Amino acid sequence: MNFLEFERIVSQKRLSRYVNASGGDTRKALTLYRYNLRISQEMFTMISCFEVAFRNAIDNELSALYGNEWLKDSISTGGFLTGSDTIKSFGIVKHTYDKLVSEGQYSHTKLLSGLEFGVWKYMFSPPQYRATGRVLLRVSRINSVLLRIFISTIHISSTNWTKSILYGIGLPTMSQYAFCRGETWCTPIILKRNI
């Protein structure tokens, strides 16, 4: 597919930052766009894995404290999400729960996995943190290694390369590598390309 066809599909506005970054060279602009797609794919995978691990760590902690149905119980009468200061979290959990029940699909694991990342993130906001008995910092301590892995999984060895790919400023001038920092669970991601 040539550049003009691709631009018509994706939009001139979207591709303009890549064209500007490549000094008007449309071939280089498409290469930058492909780099951005690859990085986005890798980041999405890492964020998805982090979300599952984070959610499961919260579930393990609250299951030990409140039982295996803690999430359903949290929206039942007297549950820890029924207070006026946790009403948004209550609404999100209740909506997902009601949908699963109406479809005959309810299980704790389906309710757990049916909630978006925002629910888990907001479990650490003051109202939810207090409502859960102030125990969720244990999740942070237990999973500090997980956080370090998530934050440092990809190391990009050049600021110029990072700017080029993530912000569309300039072009990489040499081969660059992104790699996992010695984590055995991580398959190295090698992005080596001369433009």
Protein backbone atom coordinates (compact mmCIF):
# COMPACT_ATOMS: atom_id res chain seq x y z
CA MET A 1 0.00 0.00 0.00
CA ASN A 2 1.41 3.39 -0.89
CA PHE A 3 1.57 6.30 1.52
CA LEU A 4 -1.38 8.24 0.08
CA GLU A 5 -3.70 5.23 0.32
CA PHE A 6 -2.58 4.59 3.90
CA GLU A 7 -2.98 8.27 4.78
CA ARG A 8 -6.51 8.25 3.38
CA ILE A 9 -7.37 5.27 5.61
CA VAL A 10 -5.59 6.39 8.79
CA SER A 11 -5.94 10.19 8.29
CA GLN A 12 -3.56 12.96 7.41
CA LYS A 13 -3.84 14.43 10.89
CA ARG A 14 -2.71 11.17 12.50
CA LEU A 15 0.25 10.69 10.17
CA SER A 16 1.38 14.32 10.15
CA ARG A 17 3.54 13.95 13.29
CA TYR A 18 5.40 11.06 11.65
CA VAL A 19 5.84 12.95 8.38
CA ASN A 20 7.14 15.99 10.30
CA ALA A 21 9.48 13.83 12.36
CA SER A 22 10.91 12.27 9.22
CA GLY A 23 11.49 15.59 7.47
CA GLY A 24 8.79 14.86 4.90
CA ASP A 25 10.13 11.43 3.93
CA THR A 26 6.96 9.32 3.71
CA ARG A 27 8.85 6.01 3.71
CA LYS A 28 10.52 6.93 6.99
CA ALA A 29 7.20 8.21 8.31
CA LEU A 30 5.60 4.80 7.70
CA THR A 31 8.58 3.12 9.38
CA LEU A 32 8.11 5.34 12.44
CA TYR A 33 4.41 4.53 12.44
CA ARG A 34 5.19 0.80 12.39
CA TYR A 35 7.66 1.29 15.28
CA ASN A 36 4.95 3.04 17.24
CA LEU A 37 2.56 0.13 16.60
CA ARG A 38 5.15 -2.38 17.83
CA ILE A 39 5.84 -0.42 21.01
CA SER A 40 2.11 0.00 21.59
CA GLN A 41 1.61 -3.75 21.25
CA GLU A 42 4.38 -4.48 23.75
CA MET A 43 3.12 -1.88 26.21
CA PHE A 44 -0.44 -3.17 25.96
CA THR A 45 0.75 -6.70 26.72
CA MET A 46 2.72 -5.53 29.76
CA ILE A 47 -0.13 -3.39 31.06
CA SER A 48 -2.58 -6.27 30.60
CA CYS A 49 -0.33 -8.65 32.52
CA PHE A 50 0.20 -6.07 35.24
CA GLU A 51 -3.55 -5.49 35.53
CA VAL A 52 -4.25 -9.21 35.98
CA ALA A 53 -1.50 -9.61 38.57
CA PHE A 54 -2.58 -6.46 40.42
CA ARG A 55 -6.24 -7.50 40.42
CA ASN A 56 -5.36 -11.00 41.62
CA ALA A 57 -3.17 -9.62 44.42
CA ILE A 58 -6.09 -7.48 45.62
CA ASP A 59 -8.43 -10.46 45.33
CA ASN A 60 -6.08 -12.68 47.34
CA GLU A 61 -5.76 -10.11 50.10
CA LEU A 62 -9.48 -9.33 50.35
CA SER A 63 -10.51 -13.01 49.99
CA ALA A 64 -8.34 -13.86 52.99
CA LEU A 65 -9.96 -11.08 54.99
CA TYR A 66 -13.60 -11.17 53.82
CA GLY A 67 -14.07 -14.59 52.18
CA ASN A 68 -14.19 -15.84 48.61
CA GLU A 69 -17.31 -13.81 47.71
CA TRP A 70 -15.93 -10.52 49.06
CA LEU A 71 -16.69 -8.61 45.87
CA LYS A 72 -20.36 -9.62 45.73
CA ASP A 73 -20.63 -9.09 49.49
CA SER A 74 -19.12 -5.61 49.14
CA ILE A 75 -22.25 -4.46 47.28
CA SER A 76 -24.73 -6.31 49.49
CA THR A 77 -26.51 -4.54 52.36
CA GLY A 78 -23.84 -3.46 54.82
CA GLY A 79 -21.01 -4.27 52.38
CA PHE A 80 -17.93 -2.10 52.42
CA LEU A 81 -18.80 -0.41 49.10
CA THR A 82 -22.31 0.62 50.17
CA GLY A 83 -21.22 3.85 51.88
CA SER A 84 -21.90 7.24 50.35
CA ASP A 85 -18.19 7.90 49.77
CA THR A 86 -17.73 4.73 47.69
CA ILE A 87 -20.89 5.09 45.61
CA LYS A 88 -19.10 5.20 42.24
CA SER A 89 -17.21 1.98 42.91
CA PHE A 90 -20.43 0.45 44.21
CA GLY A 91 -22.24 1.42 41.00
CA ILE A 92 -19.59 -0.07 38.73
CA VAL A 93 -19.39 -3.36 40.65
CA LYS A 94 -23.19 -3.58 40.99
CA HIS A 95 -23.73 -2.95 37.27
CA THR A 96 -21.28 -5.70 36.32
CA TYR A 97 -22.72 -8.07 38.93
CA ASP A 98 -26.33 -7.46 37.79
CA LYS A 99 -25.37 -8.04 34.16
CA LEU A 100 -23.69 -11.36 34.96
CA VAL A 101 -26.63 -12.49 37.11
CA SER A 102 -29.18 -11.54 34.41
CA GLU A 103 -27.20 -13.60 31.88
CA GLY A 104 -26.93 -16.54 34.28
CA GLN A 105 -23.14 -16.19 34.13
CA TYR A 106 -22.24 -15.00 37.64
CA SER A 107 -19.16 -16.34 39.36
CA HIS A 108 -16.68 -14.50 41.53
CA THR A 109 -13.95 -14.88 38.91
CA LYS A 110 -16.19 -13.53 36.14
CA LEU A 111 -17.15 -10.55 38.27
CA LEU A 112 -13.51 -10.00 39.14
CA SER A 113 -12.34 -10.14 35.53
CA GLY A 114 -15.32 -8.15 34.27
CA LEU A 115 -14.24 -5.01 36.08
CA GLU A 116 -11.96 -2.48 34.43
CA PHE A 117 -8.57 -1.43 35.73
CA GLY A 118 -9.99 1.79 37.17
CA VAL A 119 -11.87 -0.19 39.82
CA TRP A 120 -8.64 -1.76 41.05
CA LYS A 121 -6.73 1.48 40.92
CA TYR A 122 -9.40 3.27 42.93
CA MET A 123 -9.33 0.59 45.62
CA PHE A 124 -6.34 2.62 46.87
CA SER A 125 -8.17 5.96 46.99
CA PRO A 126 -8.92 7.07 50.57
CA PRO A 127 -12.62 6.07 50.76
CA GLN A 128 -12.14 2.60 49.28
CA TYR A 129 -8.89 2.06 51.17
CA ARG A 130 -10.63 2.83 54.47
CA ALA A 131 -13.68 0.76 53.47
CA THR A 132 -11.54 -2.34 52.85
CA GLY A 133 -10.07 -2.16 56.33
CA ARG A 134 -6.85 -0.42 55.33
CA VAL A 135 -5.22 -3.68 54.33
CA LEU A 136 -4.44 -3.06 50.67
CA LEU A 137 -0.98 -1.65 51.33
CA ARG A 138 -0.05 -5.29 51.93
CA VAL A 139 -0.69 -5.77 48.22
CA SER A 140 1.87 -3.06 47.51
CA ARG A 141 4.47 -4.66 49.78
CA ILE A 142 3.83 -8.18 48.57
CA ASN A 143 3.95 -7.15 44.94
CA SER A 144 6.66 -4.50 45.00
CA VAL A 145 8.70 -6.84 42.82
CA LEU A 146 5.83 -6.91 40.32
CA LEU A 147 5.81 -3.13 40.19
CA ARG A 148 9.58 -2.98 39.65
CA ILE A 149 9.27 -5.51 36.84
CA PHE A 150 6.45 -3.56 35.22
CA ILE A 151 8.25 -0.24 35.44
CA SER A 152 11.62 -1.50 34.28
CA THR A 153 10.73 -4.26 31.84
CA ILE A 154 11.67 -2.35 28.76
CA HIS A 155 14.86 -0.39 28.89
CA ILE A 156 15.41 1.86 25.92
CA SER A 157 19.06 2.71 25.61
CA SER A 158 18.75 6.05 23.88
CA THR A 159 16.77 9.15 24.75
CA ASN A 160 16.80 10.15 21.08
CA TRP A 161 15.30 6.82 20.10
CA THR A 162 12.62 7.18 22.79
CA LYS A 163 11.72 10.66 21.59
CA SER A 164 11.62 9.47 18.00
CA ILE A 165 9.29 6.58 18.61
CA LEU A 166 7.11 7.78 21.46
CA TYR A 167 6.86 11.47 20.64
CA GLY A 168 7.62 11.65 16.94
CA ILE A 169 10.55 14.05 17.42
CA GLY A 170 13.62 13.43 15.32
CA LEU A 171 14.86 10.13 13.91
CA PRO A 172 17.02 7.43 15.44
CA THR A 173 20.52 7.71 14.08
CA MET A 174 21.69 4.20 14.94
CA SER A 175 20.37 0.77 15.90
CA GLN A 176 18.76 0.77 19.32
CA TYR A 177 17.64 -2.00 21.58
CA ALA A 178 14.79 -2.48 23.99
CA PHE A 179 15.36 -5.39 26.29
CA CYS A 180 14.15 -6.96 29.49
CA ARG A 181 16.48 -6.33 32.41
CA GLY A 182 17.53 -9.85 33.30
CA GLU A 183 14.04 -11.06 34.17
CA THR A 184 13.88 -14.77 33.35
CA TRP A 185 10.11 -14.69 32.73
CA CYS A 186 10.49 -12.10 30.01
CA THR A 187 11.34 -12.98 26.44
CA PRO A 188 13.71 -10.30 25.18
CA ILE A 189 12.17 -7.82 22.84
CA ILE A 190 14.72 -6.66 20.34
CA LEU A 191 13.91 -3.66 18.25
CA LYS A 192 16.87 -3.15 15.98
CA ARG A 193 16.44 -1.10 12.90
CA ASN A 194 18.45 1.37 10.89
CA ILE A 195 16.27 3.96 9.26
